[in-house]
């Protein structure tokens, strides 16, 4: 964690009483902003909070999918907590979503994702990661619009899972949705990071302070 950072949960103090989406303040438990190391080189971006994350207030925690991702983070050296931790001790990684609030009966609408885009854009600019991991098809296609020169419809998360895609200023390493992953999928993702990302100099010259 950055030496100047005092908390992992919503470290940029983003609006926790947001009312930008009319339907969501009444359906959510809480706004789930980003969580993790503000000096992270790796940023994981999901679609929107699960029921468990809506309860814990921490992205990718509290259920089977969250535990799968937390195990991945542990294997990569990003987490010093057990996979079932609801406030994991993270380093060099930041977790967030396209949309910050959960509706209990449907996914986030395109308008809701657009309303939350300033939060995500601000996190990306302030963290300035080297590697962005879109978790799921929607996250991949949404981020592809901004950070690659390819049209979003050209991406298939099944094919792109555990590969590296060159972007504009970042590299994307897509991950299948946690609910759809097999153990073999998860192992392939970990192996790709270890063998094809960690094993080379993935850091780009972007004016960051040294870690």
N, C-alpha and C. Protein backbone atom coordinates (compact mmCIF):
# COMPACT_ATOMS: atom_id res chain seq x y z
N UNK A 1 0.84 -1.18 0.00
CA UNK A 1 0.00 0.00 0.00
C UNK A 1 0.88 1.24 0.00
N UNK A 2 0.43 2.27 -0.70
CA UNK A 2 1.18 3.52 -0.75
C UNK A 2 1.44 4.06 0.66
N UNK A 3 2.64 4.57 0.88
CA UNK A 3 3.03 5.02 2.21
C UNK A 3 2.14 6.15 2.72
N UNK A 4 1.55 6.94 1.83
CA UNK A 4 0.72 8.06 2.24
C UNK A 4 -0.76 7.71 2.33
N UNK A 5 -1.11 6.47 2.02
CA UNK A 5 -2.50 6.05 1.99
C UNK A 5 -2.94 5.59 3.37
N UNK A 6 -4.11 6.05 3.83
CA UNK A 6 -4.54 5.70 5.18
C UNK A 6 -5.65 4.67 5.23
N UNK A 7 -6.25 4.33 4.07
CA UNK A 7 -7.28 3.30 4.06
C UNK A 7 -7.39 2.69 2.67
N UNK A 8 -7.84 1.44 2.61
CA UNK A 8 -8.02 0.75 1.35
C UNK A 8 -9.42 0.98 0.77
N UNK A 9 -10.41 1.10 1.61
CA UNK A 9 -11.80 1.27 1.16
C UNK A 9 -12.03 2.71 0.70
N UNK A 10 -12.50 2.86 -0.54
CA UNK A 10 -12.80 4.18 -1.11
C UNK A 10 -11.72 5.20 -0.74
N UNK A 11 -10.48 4.93 -1.10
CA UNK A 11 -9.39 5.81 -0.65
C UNK A 11 -9.42 7.21 -1.25
N UNK A 12 -10.17 7.39 -2.35
CA UNK A 12 -10.25 8.72 -2.97
C UNK A 12 -11.46 9.51 -2.46
N UNK A 13 -12.14 8.96 -1.47
CA UNK A 13 -13.25 9.67 -0.81
C UNK A 13 -14.33 10.08 -1.81
N UNK A 14 -14.73 9.14 -2.65
CA UNK A 14 -15.79 9.41 -3.62
C UNK A 14 -17.16 9.37 -2.94
N UNK A 15 -18.13 9.97 -3.58
CA UNK A 15 -19.46 10.19 -3.00
C UNK A 15 -20.14 8.87 -2.62
N UNK A 16 -20.34 8.66 -1.34
CA UNK A 16 -20.98 7.43 -0.86
C UNK A 16 -22.49 7.58 -0.73
N UNK A 17 -23.01 8.75 -1.06
CA UNK A 17 -24.45 8.98 -1.04
C UNK A 17 -24.94 9.39 -2.42
N UNK A 18 -24.25 8.89 -3.46
CA UNK A 18 -24.54 9.29 -4.84
C UNK A 18 -26.00 9.03 -5.21
N UNK A 19 -26.62 9.99 -5.87
CA UNK A 19 -28.00 9.85 -6.35
C UNK A 19 -28.09 10.11 -7.85
N UNK A 20 -27.03 9.83 -8.59
CA UNK A 20 -27.02 10.09 -10.03
C UNK A 20 -27.98 9.18 -10.80
N UNK A 21 -28.30 8.02 -10.24
CA UNK A 21 -29.22 7.07 -10.90
C UNK A 21 -30.49 6.98 -10.07
N UNK A 22 -31.62 7.37 -10.64
CA UNK A 22 -32.86 7.48 -9.88
C UNK A 22 -33.28 6.17 -9.23
N UNK A 23 -33.07 5.04 -9.91
CA UNK A 23 -33.62 3.77 -9.42
C UNK A 23 -32.79 3.12 -8.33
N UNK A 24 -31.53 3.51 -8.17
CA UNK A 24 -30.62 2.71 -7.36
C UNK A 24 -30.51 3.08 -5.88
N UNK A 25 -30.65 4.33 -5.48
CA UNK A 25 -30.53 4.63 -4.05
C UNK A 25 -31.50 3.82 -3.18
N UNK A 26 -32.65 3.43 -3.73
CA UNK A 26 -33.63 2.67 -2.96
C UNK A 26 -33.37 1.17 -2.99
N UNK A 27 -32.55 0.70 -3.92
CA UNK A 27 -32.35 -0.75 -4.05
C UNK A 27 -31.01 -1.22 -3.51
N UNK A 28 -30.03 -0.33 -3.44
CA UNK A 28 -28.70 -0.72 -2.99
C UNK A 28 -28.63 -0.74 -1.47
N UNK A 29 -27.65 -1.49 -0.95
CA UNK A 29 -27.30 -1.38 0.46
C UNK A 29 -26.34 -0.22 0.65
N UNK A 30 -25.39 -0.10 -0.29
CA UNK A 30 -24.40 0.98 -0.23
C UNK A 30 -23.76 1.15 -1.60
N UNK A 31 -23.13 2.28 -1.81
CA UNK A 31 -22.33 2.50 -3.01
C UNK A 31 -21.00 1.78 -2.82
N UNK A 32 -20.61 0.97 -3.82
CA UNK A 32 -19.37 0.20 -3.71
C UNK A 32 -18.32 0.83 -4.60
N UNK A 33 -17.55 1.74 -4.03
CA UNK A 33 -16.45 2.36 -4.76
C UNK A 33 -15.22 1.46 -4.72
N UNK A 34 -14.13 1.92 -5.34
CA UNK A 34 -12.93 1.12 -5.44
C UNK A 34 -12.26 0.85 -4.11
N UNK A 35 -11.42 -0.20 -4.14
CA UNK A 35 -10.77 -0.67 -2.91
C UNK A 35 -9.37 -1.15 -3.29
N UNK A 36 -8.38 -0.70 -2.54
CA UNK A 36 -7.04 -1.23 -2.77
C UNK A 36 -5.95 -0.18 -2.66
N UNK A 37 -4.84 -0.48 -3.30
CA UNK A 37 -3.61 0.30 -3.24
C UNK A 37 -3.67 1.42 -4.28
N UNK A 38 -3.61 2.66 -3.84
CA UNK A 38 -3.72 3.79 -4.78
C UNK A 38 -2.50 3.92 -5.67
N UNK A 39 -1.39 3.24 -5.34
CA UNK A 39 -0.21 3.23 -6.19
C UNK A 39 -0.09 1.95 -6.99
N UNK A 40 -1.22 1.24 -7.17
CA UNK A 40 -1.21 -0.09 -7.80
C UNK A 40 -0.78 -0.03 -9.26
N UNK A 41 -0.10 -1.07 -9.68
CA UNK A 41 0.23 -1.26 -11.09
C UNK A 41 -0.84 -2.09 -11.80
N UNK A 42 -1.70 -2.77 -11.02
CA UNK A 42 -2.73 -3.65 -11.57
C UNK A 42 -4.10 -3.18 -11.10
N UNK A 43 -5.04 -3.05 -12.04
CA UNK A 43 -6.40 -2.61 -11.76
C UNK A 43 -7.38 -3.64 -12.31
N UNK A 44 -8.22 -4.21 -11.44
CA UNK A 44 -9.26 -5.15 -11.85
C UNK A 44 -10.59 -4.41 -11.89
N UNK A 45 -11.32 -4.53 -13.01
CA UNK A 45 -12.57 -3.81 -13.20
C UNK A 45 -13.68 -4.81 -13.54
N UNK A 46 -14.69 -4.90 -12.68
CA UNK A 46 -15.84 -5.74 -12.95
C UNK A 46 -17.02 -4.93 -13.45
N UNK A 47 -18.15 -5.60 -13.64
CA UNK A 47 -19.35 -4.95 -14.17
C UNK A 47 -20.03 -4.09 -13.10
N UNK A 48 -20.55 -4.72 -12.07
CA UNK A 48 -21.25 -4.02 -10.99
C UNK A 48 -21.24 -4.92 -9.76
N UNK A 49 -21.54 -4.38 -8.58
CA UNK A 49 -21.44 -5.18 -7.36
C UNK A 49 -22.37 -6.39 -7.36
N UNK A 50 -21.85 -7.50 -6.88
CA UNK A 50 -22.68 -8.67 -6.60
C UNK A 50 -23.51 -8.39 -5.35
N UNK A 51 -24.42 -9.30 -5.05
CA UNK A 51 -25.18 -9.16 -3.80
C UNK A 51 -24.25 -9.12 -2.60
N UNK A 52 -23.20 -9.95 -2.64
CA UNK A 52 -22.26 -10.00 -1.53
C UNK A 52 -21.47 -8.71 -1.41
N UNK A 53 -20.97 -8.18 -2.55
CA UNK A 53 -20.21 -6.93 -2.51
C UNK A 53 -21.09 -5.77 -2.07
N UNK A 54 -22.37 -5.80 -2.45
CA UNK A 54 -23.31 -4.78 -2.00
C UNK A 54 -23.42 -4.82 -0.47
N UNK A 55 -23.29 -6.00 0.09
CA UNK A 55 -23.37 -6.16 1.55
C UNK A 55 -22.07 -5.75 2.24
N UNK A 56 -20.92 -6.18 1.68
CA UNK A 56 -19.63 -5.90 2.33
C UNK A 56 -19.11 -4.50 2.05
N UNK A 57 -19.51 -3.94 0.89
CA UNK A 57 -18.99 -2.65 0.48
C UNK A 57 -17.63 -2.71 -0.16
N UNK A 58 -17.13 -3.93 -0.43
CA UNK A 58 -15.79 -4.12 -1.00
C UNK A 58 -15.92 -4.94 -2.28
N UNK A 59 -15.42 -4.45 -3.41
CA UNK A 59 -15.53 -5.21 -4.66
C UNK A 59 -14.94 -6.61 -4.56
N UNK A 60 -15.61 -7.55 -5.21
CA UNK A 60 -15.10 -8.92 -5.35
C UNK A 60 -14.84 -9.58 -3.99
N UNK A 61 -15.78 -9.46 -3.08
CA UNK A 61 -15.68 -10.14 -1.79
C UNK A 61 -17.04 -10.71 -1.40
N UNK A 62 -17.01 -11.68 -0.47
CA UNK A 62 -18.23 -12.12 0.19
C UNK A 62 -18.98 -13.27 -0.42
N UNK A 63 -18.52 -13.79 -1.57
CA UNK A 63 -19.19 -14.93 -2.18
C UNK A 63 -18.17 -15.78 -2.91
N UNK A 64 -18.66 -16.83 -3.60
CA UNK A 64 -17.75 -17.75 -4.27
C UNK A 64 -16.91 -17.09 -5.34
N UNK A 65 -17.52 -16.21 -6.14
CA UNK A 65 -16.76 -15.51 -7.16
C UNK A 65 -15.69 -14.62 -6.56
N UNK A 66 -16.05 -13.92 -5.50
CA UNK A 66 -15.07 -13.08 -4.83
C UNK A 66 -13.91 -13.88 -4.26
N UNK A 67 -14.24 -15.03 -3.68
CA UNK A 67 -13.17 -15.86 -3.13
C UNK A 67 -12.26 -16.39 -4.23
N UNK A 68 -12.82 -16.67 -5.39
CA UNK A 68 -11.99 -17.12 -6.51
C UNK A 68 -10.99 -16.03 -6.88
N UNK A 69 -11.47 -14.79 -6.99
CA UNK A 69 -10.56 -13.70 -7.35
C UNK A 69 -9.56 -13.44 -6.24
N UNK A 70 -9.99 -13.51 -5.00
CA UNK A 70 -9.06 -13.27 -3.90
C UNK A 70 -7.97 -14.35 -3.84
N UNK A 71 -8.32 -15.58 -4.23
CA UNK A 71 -7.28 -16.63 -4.31
C UNK A 71 -6.27 -16.28 -5.40
N UNK A 72 -6.76 -15.78 -6.53
CA UNK A 72 -5.86 -15.35 -7.60
C UNK A 72 -4.92 -14.26 -7.09
N UNK A 73 -5.47 -13.29 -6.39
CA UNK A 73 -4.64 -12.20 -5.87
C UNK A 73 -3.60 -12.72 -4.89
N UNK A 74 -3.97 -13.70 -4.09
CA UNK A 74 -3.01 -14.30 -3.18
C UNK A 74 -1.90 -15.01 -3.91
N UNK A 75 -2.25 -15.76 -4.97
CA UNK A 75 -1.23 -16.49 -5.72
C UNK A 75 -0.28 -15.53 -6.44
N UNK A 76 -0.76 -14.35 -6.78
CA UNK A 76 0.07 -13.38 -7.49
C UNK A 76 0.83 -12.47 -6.53
N UNK A 77 0.63 -12.65 -5.24
CA UNK A 77 1.34 -11.83 -4.26
C UNK A 77 0.69 -10.49 -3.98
N UNK A 78 -0.56 -10.30 -4.42
CA UNK A 78 -1.25 -9.03 -4.23
C UNK A 78 -2.05 -8.98 -2.93
N UNK A 79 -2.35 -10.14 -2.35
CA UNK A 79 -3.17 -10.18 -1.14
C UNK A 79 -2.45 -10.95 -0.05
N UNK A 80 -2.54 -10.44 1.17
CA UNK A 80 -1.96 -11.10 2.32
C UNK A 80 -3.05 -11.60 3.26
N UNK A 81 -4.24 -11.80 2.71
CA UNK A 81 -5.40 -12.22 3.50
C UNK A 81 -5.95 -13.54 2.96
N UNK A 82 -6.72 -14.27 3.77
CA UNK A 82 -7.39 -15.46 3.26
C UNK A 82 -8.44 -15.08 2.22
N UNK A 83 -8.81 -15.99 1.32
CA UNK A 83 -9.75 -15.65 0.24
C UNK A 83 -11.13 -15.21 0.72
N UNK A 84 -11.52 -15.59 1.93
CA UNK A 84 -12.85 -15.22 2.40
C UNK A 84 -12.85 -13.90 3.19
N UNK A 85 -11.73 -13.20 3.22
CA UNK A 85 -11.67 -11.92 3.93
C UNK A 85 -12.60 -10.91 3.25
N UNK A 86 -13.35 -10.17 4.04
CA UNK A 86 -14.24 -9.16 3.48
C UNK A 86 -13.56 -7.79 3.37
N UNK A 87 -12.42 -7.62 4.02
CA UNK A 87 -11.59 -6.43 3.85
C UNK A 87 -10.14 -6.89 3.66
N UNK A 88 -9.83 -7.43 2.47
CA UNK A 88 -8.51 -8.02 2.26
C UNK A 88 -7.38 -7.00 2.35
N UNK A 89 -6.23 -7.49 2.77
CA UNK A 89 -5.02 -6.68 2.88
C UNK A 89 -4.30 -6.75 1.54
N UNK A 90 -4.47 -5.73 0.71
CA UNK A 90 -3.98 -5.75 -0.66
C UNK A 90 -2.79 -4.84 -0.85
N UNK A 91 -1.94 -5.21 -1.81
CA UNK A 91 -0.82 -4.37 -2.21
C UNK A 91 -0.64 -4.48 -3.72
N UNK A 92 -0.36 -3.37 -4.36
CA UNK A 92 -0.09 -3.30 -5.80
C UNK A 92 -1.28 -3.70 -6.67
N UNK A 93 -2.49 -3.66 -6.12
CA UNK A 93 -3.68 -3.98 -6.90
C UNK A 93 -4.84 -3.13 -6.38
N UNK A 94 -5.72 -2.75 -7.31
CA UNK A 94 -6.91 -1.97 -6.98
C UNK A 94 -8.10 -2.64 -7.64
N UNK A 95 -9.22 -2.73 -6.93
CA UNK A 95 -10.43 -3.41 -7.40
C UNK A 95 -11.56 -2.40 -7.53
N UNK A 96 -12.29 -2.45 -8.64
CA UNK A 96 -13.39 -1.51 -8.82
C UNK A 96 -14.40 -2.05 -9.82
N UNK A 97 -15.43 -1.25 -10.10
CA UNK A 97 -16.51 -1.65 -11.01
C UNK A 97 -16.83 -0.55 -12.01
N UNK A 98 -17.47 -0.95 -13.11
CA UNK A 98 -18.02 0.03 -14.05
C UNK A 98 -19.15 0.82 -13.39
N UNK A 99 -20.08 0.10 -12.74
CA UNK A 99 -21.21 0.69 -12.03
C UNK A 99 -21.07 0.39 -10.55
N UNK A 100 -21.45 1.33 -9.69
CA UNK A 100 -21.12 1.25 -8.27
C UNK A 100 -22.26 0.76 -7.38
N UNK A 101 -23.46 0.62 -7.94
CA UNK A 101 -24.62 0.23 -7.13
C UNK A 101 -25.29 -0.99 -7.74
N UNK A 102 -25.93 -1.78 -6.88
CA UNK A 102 -26.58 -3.01 -7.32
C UNK A 102 -28.08 -2.85 -7.37
N UNK A 103 -28.65 -3.32 -8.47
CA UNK A 103 -30.10 -3.50 -8.54
C UNK A 103 -30.37 -4.98 -8.35
N UNK A 104 -31.32 -5.36 -7.52
CA UNK A 104 -31.47 -6.78 -7.16
C UNK A 104 -32.02 -7.68 -8.25
N UNK A 105 -32.61 -7.12 -9.30
CA UNK A 105 -33.27 -7.97 -10.29
C UNK A 105 -32.73 -7.83 -11.71
N UNK A 106 -31.73 -6.98 -11.91
CA UNK A 106 -31.23 -6.78 -13.28
C UNK A 106 -29.80 -6.26 -13.22
N UNK A 107 -29.06 -6.41 -14.33
CA UNK A 107 -27.73 -5.80 -14.40
C UNK A 107 -27.84 -4.29 -14.54
N UNK A 108 -26.72 -3.62 -14.36
CA UNK A 108 -26.69 -2.16 -14.56
C UNK A 108 -27.06 -1.82 -15.99
N UNK A 109 -27.80 -0.75 -16.17
CA UNK A 109 -28.14 -0.29 -17.52
C UNK A 109 -26.96 0.47 -18.11
N UNK A 110 -27.00 0.68 -19.42
CA UNK A 110 -25.95 1.47 -20.06
C UNK A 110 -25.90 2.88 -19.47
N UNK A 111 -27.06 3.44 -19.17
CA UNK A 111 -27.10 4.79 -18.60
C UNK A 111 -26.45 4.81 -17.22
N UNK A 112 -26.66 3.76 -16.43
CA UNK A 112 -26.05 3.71 -15.11
C UNK A 112 -24.53 3.57 -15.19
N UNK A 113 -24.06 2.80 -16.14
CA UNK A 113 -22.62 2.69 -16.35
C UNK A 113 -22.06 4.05 -16.77
N UNK A 114 -22.77 4.74 -17.65
CA UNK A 114 -22.32 6.07 -18.07
C UNK A 114 -22.29 7.05 -16.90
N UNK A 115 -23.30 6.97 -16.04
CA UNK A 115 -23.34 7.86 -14.87
C UNK A 115 -22.16 7.61 -13.94
N UNK A 116 -21.69 6.38 -13.87
CA UNK A 116 -20.58 6.04 -13.00
C UNK A 116 -19.22 6.24 -13.66
N UNK A 117 -19.21 6.51 -14.94
CA UNK A 117 -17.92 6.61 -15.64
C UNK A 117 -16.99 7.65 -15.04
N UNK A 118 -17.47 8.80 -14.56
CA UNK A 118 -16.53 9.74 -13.95
C UNK A 118 -15.79 9.18 -12.75
N UNK A 119 -16.44 8.30 -11.98
CA UNK A 119 -15.75 7.67 -10.85
C UNK A 119 -14.62 6.77 -11.35
N UNK A 120 -14.94 5.92 -12.35
CA UNK A 120 -13.92 5.01 -12.88
C UNK A 120 -12.80 5.77 -13.55
N UNK A 121 -13.14 6.77 -14.35
CA UNK A 121 -12.12 7.55 -15.04
C UNK A 121 -11.19 8.24 -14.04
N UNK A 122 -11.76 8.76 -12.97
CA UNK A 122 -10.94 9.41 -11.95
C UNK A 122 -10.01 8.42 -11.27
N UNK A 123 -10.52 7.22 -10.97
CA UNK A 123 -9.67 6.20 -10.35
C UNK A 123 -8.51 5.82 -11.27
N UNK A 124 -8.81 5.61 -12.54
CA UNK A 124 -7.77 5.22 -13.48
C UNK A 124 -6.72 6.32 -13.60
N UNK A 125 -7.15 7.56 -13.67
CA UNK A 125 -6.19 8.67 -13.80
C UNK A 125 -5.34 8.82 -12.55
N UNK A 126 -5.94 8.65 -11.40
CA UNK A 126 -5.18 8.84 -10.15
C UNK A 126 -4.26 7.66 -9.86
N UNK A 127 -4.71 6.46 -10.18
CA UNK A 127 -3.87 5.27 -9.95
C UNK A 127 -2.83 5.12 -11.04
N UNK A 128 -3.25 5.36 -12.30
CA UNK A 128 -2.36 5.25 -13.45
C UNK A 128 -1.70 3.87 -13.51
N UNK A 129 -2.51 2.81 -13.59
CA UNK A 129 -1.95 1.46 -13.58
C UNK A 129 -1.24 1.12 -14.88
N UNK A 130 -0.49 0.06 -14.86
CA UNK A 130 0.15 -0.46 -16.07
C UNK A 130 -0.72 -1.54 -16.72
N UNK A 131 -1.37 -2.34 -15.90
CA UNK A 131 -2.18 -3.46 -16.39
C UNK A 131 -3.61 -3.28 -15.90
N UNK A 132 -4.58 -3.32 -16.82
CA UNK A 132 -5.99 -3.31 -16.46
C UNK A 132 -6.58 -4.67 -16.78
N UNK A 133 -7.26 -5.26 -15.81
CA UNK A 133 -7.90 -6.57 -15.98
C UNK A 133 -9.41 -6.37 -16.04
N UNK A 134 -10.00 -6.38 -17.24
CA UNK A 134 -11.46 -6.34 -17.33
C UNK A 134 -12.01 -7.72 -16.97
N UNK A 135 -12.91 -7.77 -16.01
CA UNK A 135 -13.48 -9.04 -15.56
C UNK A 135 -14.86 -9.18 -16.19
N UNK A 136 -14.97 -10.04 -17.19
CA UNK A 136 -16.24 -10.25 -17.88
C UNK A 136 -16.33 -9.50 -19.20
N UNK A 137 -17.28 -9.95 -20.02
CA UNK A 137 -17.44 -9.42 -21.38
C UNK A 137 -17.75 -7.92 -21.39
N UNK A 138 -18.65 -7.50 -20.53
CA UNK A 138 -19.05 -6.09 -20.56
C UNK A 138 -17.89 -5.17 -20.17
N UNK A 139 -17.16 -5.54 -19.15
CA UNK A 139 -16.01 -4.71 -18.75
C UNK A 139 -14.98 -4.65 -19.87
N UNK A 140 -14.75 -5.79 -20.53
CA UNK A 140 -13.78 -5.81 -21.62
C UNK A 140 -14.21 -4.88 -22.74
N UNK A 141 -15.46 -4.98 -23.18
CA UNK A 141 -15.90 -4.16 -24.30
C UNK A 141 -15.98 -2.69 -23.94
N UNK A 142 -16.37 -2.38 -22.71
CA UNK A 142 -16.43 -0.99 -22.29
C UNK A 142 -15.05 -0.36 -22.25
N UNK A 143 -14.09 -1.07 -21.69
CA UNK A 143 -12.73 -0.53 -21.60
C UNK A 143 -12.05 -0.52 -22.96
N UNK A 144 -12.44 -1.43 -23.84
CA UNK A 144 -11.85 -1.46 -25.18
C UNK A 144 -12.15 -0.18 -25.95
N UNK A 145 -13.33 0.39 -25.72
CA UNK A 145 -13.70 1.63 -26.41
C UNK A 145 -12.71 2.74 -26.08
N UNK A 146 -12.30 2.80 -24.82
CA UNK A 146 -11.46 3.90 -24.36
C UNK A 146 -9.97 3.63 -24.55
N UNK A 147 -9.57 2.37 -24.41
CA UNK A 147 -8.13 2.11 -24.27
C UNK A 147 -7.52 1.24 -25.36
N UNK A 148 -8.27 0.92 -26.40
CA UNK A 148 -7.69 0.25 -27.55
C UNK A 148 -8.19 0.92 -28.82
N UNK A 149 -7.59 0.56 -29.94
CA UNK A 149 -8.03 1.11 -31.21
C UNK A 149 -8.95 0.14 -31.95
N UNK A 150 -9.26 -0.99 -31.34
CA UNK A 150 -10.14 -1.97 -31.96
C UNK A 150 -11.59 -1.71 -31.55
N UNK A 151 -12.55 -2.03 -32.44
CA UNK A 151 -13.96 -1.87 -32.06
C UNK A 151 -14.33 -2.87 -30.97
N UNK A 152 -15.19 -2.50 -30.04
CA UNK A 152 -15.52 -3.40 -28.92
C UNK A 152 -16.11 -4.72 -29.36
N UNK A 153 -16.85 -4.70 -30.48
CA UNK A 153 -17.46 -5.95 -30.93
C UNK A 153 -16.45 -6.97 -31.44
N UNK A 154 -15.20 -6.54 -31.61
CA UNK A 154 -14.17 -7.47 -32.07
C UNK A 154 -13.61 -8.31 -30.92
N UNK A 155 -14.00 -8.01 -29.68
CA UNK A 155 -13.48 -8.73 -28.53
C UNK A 155 -14.47 -9.79 -28.05
N UNK A 156 -13.95 -10.95 -27.76
CA UNK A 156 -14.72 -12.04 -27.16
C UNK A 156 -13.95 -12.47 -25.93
N UNK A 157 -14.55 -12.32 -24.75
CA UNK A 157 -13.81 -12.60 -23.51
C UNK A 157 -13.42 -14.06 -23.41
N UNK A 158 -14.18 -14.95 -24.06
CA UNK A 158 -13.80 -16.36 -24.04
C UNK A 158 -12.46 -16.56 -24.73
N UNK A 159 -12.27 -15.88 -25.85
CA UNK A 159 -11.02 -15.99 -26.59
C UNK A 159 -9.91 -15.15 -25.97
N UNK A 160 -10.29 -14.01 -25.39
CA UNK A 160 -9.28 -13.08 -24.88
C UNK A 160 -8.83 -13.40 -23.46
N UNK A 161 -9.55 -14.28 -22.77
CA UNK A 161 -9.20 -14.63 -21.39
C UNK A 161 -7.73 -15.06 -21.30
N UNK A 162 -7.04 -14.48 -20.33
CA UNK A 162 -5.64 -14.86 -20.06
C UNK A 162 -4.73 -14.60 -21.26
N UNK A 163 -4.99 -13.47 -21.95
CA UNK A 163 -4.09 -13.00 -23.01
C UNK A 163 -3.78 -11.53 -22.71
N UNK A 164 -2.80 -10.99 -23.40
CA UNK A 164 -2.46 -9.58 -23.23
C UNK A 164 -2.82 -8.81 -24.50
N UNK A 165 -3.55 -7.70 -24.33
CA UNK A 165 -3.97 -6.86 -25.44
C UNK A 165 -3.31 -5.50 -25.26
N UNK A 166 -2.59 -5.05 -26.26
CA UNK A 166 -1.95 -3.75 -26.19
C UNK A 166 -3.01 -2.66 -26.29
N UNK A 167 -2.96 -1.71 -25.38
CA UNK A 167 -3.90 -0.60 -25.39
C UNK A 167 -3.19 0.72 -25.55
N UNK A 168 -3.96 1.79 -25.39
CA UNK A 168 -3.41 3.13 -25.48
C UNK A 168 -2.98 3.57 -24.07
N UNK A 169 -1.71 3.34 -23.76
CA UNK A 169 -1.19 3.71 -22.46
C UNK A 169 -1.27 2.63 -21.41
N UNK A 170 -2.04 1.58 -21.69
CA UNK A 170 -2.18 0.47 -20.76
C UNK A 170 -2.13 -0.83 -21.55
N UNK A 171 -1.95 -1.92 -20.82
CA UNK A 171 -2.19 -3.24 -21.39
C UNK A 171 -3.42 -3.82 -20.70
N UNK A 172 -4.27 -4.50 -21.47
CA UNK A 172 -5.44 -5.17 -20.93
C UNK A 172 -5.16 -6.67 -20.88
N UNK A 173 -5.48 -7.28 -19.75
CA UNK A 173 -5.39 -8.73 -19.61
C UNK A 173 -6.78 -9.22 -19.20
N UNK A 174 -7.63 -9.57 -20.17
CA UNK A 174 -9.01 -9.90 -19.85
C UNK A 174 -9.15 -11.19 -19.03
N UNK A 175 -10.21 -11.22 -18.25
CA UNK A 175 -10.56 -12.38 -17.45
C UNK A 175 -12.05 -12.68 -17.65
N UNK A 176 -12.37 -13.94 -17.85
CA UNK A 176 -13.77 -14.35 -17.92
C UNK A 176 -14.48 -13.99 -16.63
N UNK A 177 -15.79 -13.83 -16.69
CA UNK A 177 -16.54 -13.55 -15.47
C UNK A 177 -16.27 -14.65 -14.45
N UNK A 178 -16.22 -14.27 -13.20
CA UNK A 178 -15.85 -15.22 -12.15
C UNK A 178 -16.84 -16.37 -12.06
N UNK A 179 -18.11 -16.11 -12.33
CA UNK A 179 -19.13 -17.15 -12.26
C UNK A 179 -18.96 -18.18 -13.37
N UNK A 180 -18.35 -17.77 -14.49
CA UNK A 180 -18.20 -18.67 -15.64
C UNK A 180 -16.86 -19.39 -15.66
N UNK A 181 -15.96 -19.04 -14.77
CA UNK A 181 -14.62 -19.63 -14.80
C UNK A 181 -14.60 -21.05 -14.24
N UNK A 182 -13.86 -21.90 -14.92
CA UNK A 182 -13.52 -23.20 -14.36
C UNK A 182 -12.19 -23.06 -13.62
N UNK A 183 -11.83 -24.07 -12.87
CA UNK A 183 -10.53 -24.04 -12.19
C UNK A 183 -9.40 -23.92 -13.22
N UNK A 184 -9.60 -24.56 -14.38
CA UNK A 184 -8.58 -24.49 -15.44
C UNK A 184 -8.46 -23.07 -15.98
N UNK A 185 -9.59 -22.37 -16.12
CA UNK A 185 -9.55 -20.97 -16.56
C UNK A 185 -8.77 -20.11 -15.57
N UNK A 186 -9.04 -20.31 -14.30
CA UNK A 186 -8.36 -19.52 -13.27
C UNK A 186 -6.87 -19.79 -13.28
N UNK A 187 -6.51 -21.06 -13.40
CA UNK A 187 -5.10 -21.43 -13.45
C UNK A 187 -4.42 -20.82 -14.67
N UNK A 188 -5.13 -20.80 -15.80
CA UNK A 188 -4.55 -20.21 -17.03
C UNK A 188 -4.29 -18.73 -16.84
N UNK A 189 -5.20 -18.04 -16.15
CA UNK A 189 -5.00 -16.61 -15.91
C UNK A 189 -3.78 -16.37 -15.03
N UNK A 190 -3.68 -17.10 -13.94
CA UNK A 190 -2.53 -16.95 -13.04
C UNK A 190 -1.24 -17.25 -13.79
N UNK A 191 -1.23 -18.33 -14.56
CA UNK A 191 -0.02 -18.70 -15.31
C UNK A 191 0.37 -17.61 -16.30
N UNK A 192 -0.63 -17.01 -16.95
CA UNK A 192 -0.32 -15.96 -17.93
C UNK A 192 0.34 -14.76 -17.24
N UNK A 193 -0.20 -14.36 -16.11
CA UNK A 193 0.40 -13.22 -15.39
C UNK A 193 1.82 -13.56 -14.97
N UNK A 194 2.01 -14.74 -14.41
CA UNK A 194 3.34 -15.11 -13.92
C UNK A 194 4.34 -15.24 -15.05
N UNK A 195 3.93 -15.87 -16.16
CA UNK A 195 4.87 -16.24 -17.22
C UNK A 195 5.00 -15.17 -18.30
N UNK A 196 3.95 -14.38 -18.52
CA UNK A 196 3.97 -13.44 -19.64
C UNK A 196 3.88 -11.98 -19.24
N UNK A 197 3.60 -11.71 -17.98
CA UNK A 197 3.55 -10.33 -17.50
C UNK A 197 4.68 -10.09 -16.51
N UNK A 198 4.70 -10.85 -15.43
CA UNK A 198 5.77 -10.68 -14.44
C UNK A 198 7.14 -10.98 -15.02
N UNK A 199 7.20 -11.88 -15.99
CA UNK A 199 8.49 -12.32 -16.51
C UNK A 199 9.13 -11.32 -17.47
N UNK A 200 8.47 -10.22 -17.74
CA UNK A 200 9.04 -9.19 -18.61
C UNK A 200 8.83 -7.83 -17.94
N UNK A 201 9.40 -6.80 -18.53
CA UNK A 201 9.24 -5.46 -17.99
C UNK A 201 7.96 -4.86 -18.57
N UNK A 202 6.85 -5.05 -17.85
CA UNK A 202 5.56 -4.55 -18.32
C UNK A 202 5.37 -3.08 -17.99
N UNK A 203 6.25 -2.51 -17.18
CA UNK A 203 6.08 -1.12 -16.76
C UNK A 203 6.40 -0.19 -17.92
N UNK A 204 5.56 0.81 -18.09
CA UNK A 204 5.75 1.79 -19.15
C UNK A 204 6.15 3.12 -18.53
N UNK A 205 6.83 3.93 -19.29
CA UNK A 205 7.27 5.24 -18.79
C UNK A 205 6.08 6.19 -18.83
N UNK A 206 5.55 6.47 -17.64
CA UNK A 206 4.33 7.28 -17.57
C UNK A 206 4.45 8.33 -16.47
N UNK A 207 5.67 8.63 -16.05
CA UNK A 207 5.83 9.68 -15.06
C UNK A 207 5.46 9.29 -13.66
N UNK A 208 5.40 7.98 -13.38
CA UNK A 208 5.05 7.53 -12.03
C UNK A 208 6.25 7.60 -11.11
N UNK A 209 5.95 7.77 -9.82
CA UNK A 209 7.02 7.68 -8.84
C UNK A 209 7.49 6.24 -8.75
N UNK A 210 8.73 6.00 -8.40
CA UNK A 210 9.23 4.64 -8.24
C UNK A 210 8.62 4.03 -7.00
N UNK A 211 8.42 2.70 -7.04
CA UNK A 211 7.81 1.99 -5.91
C UNK A 211 8.88 1.40 -5.03
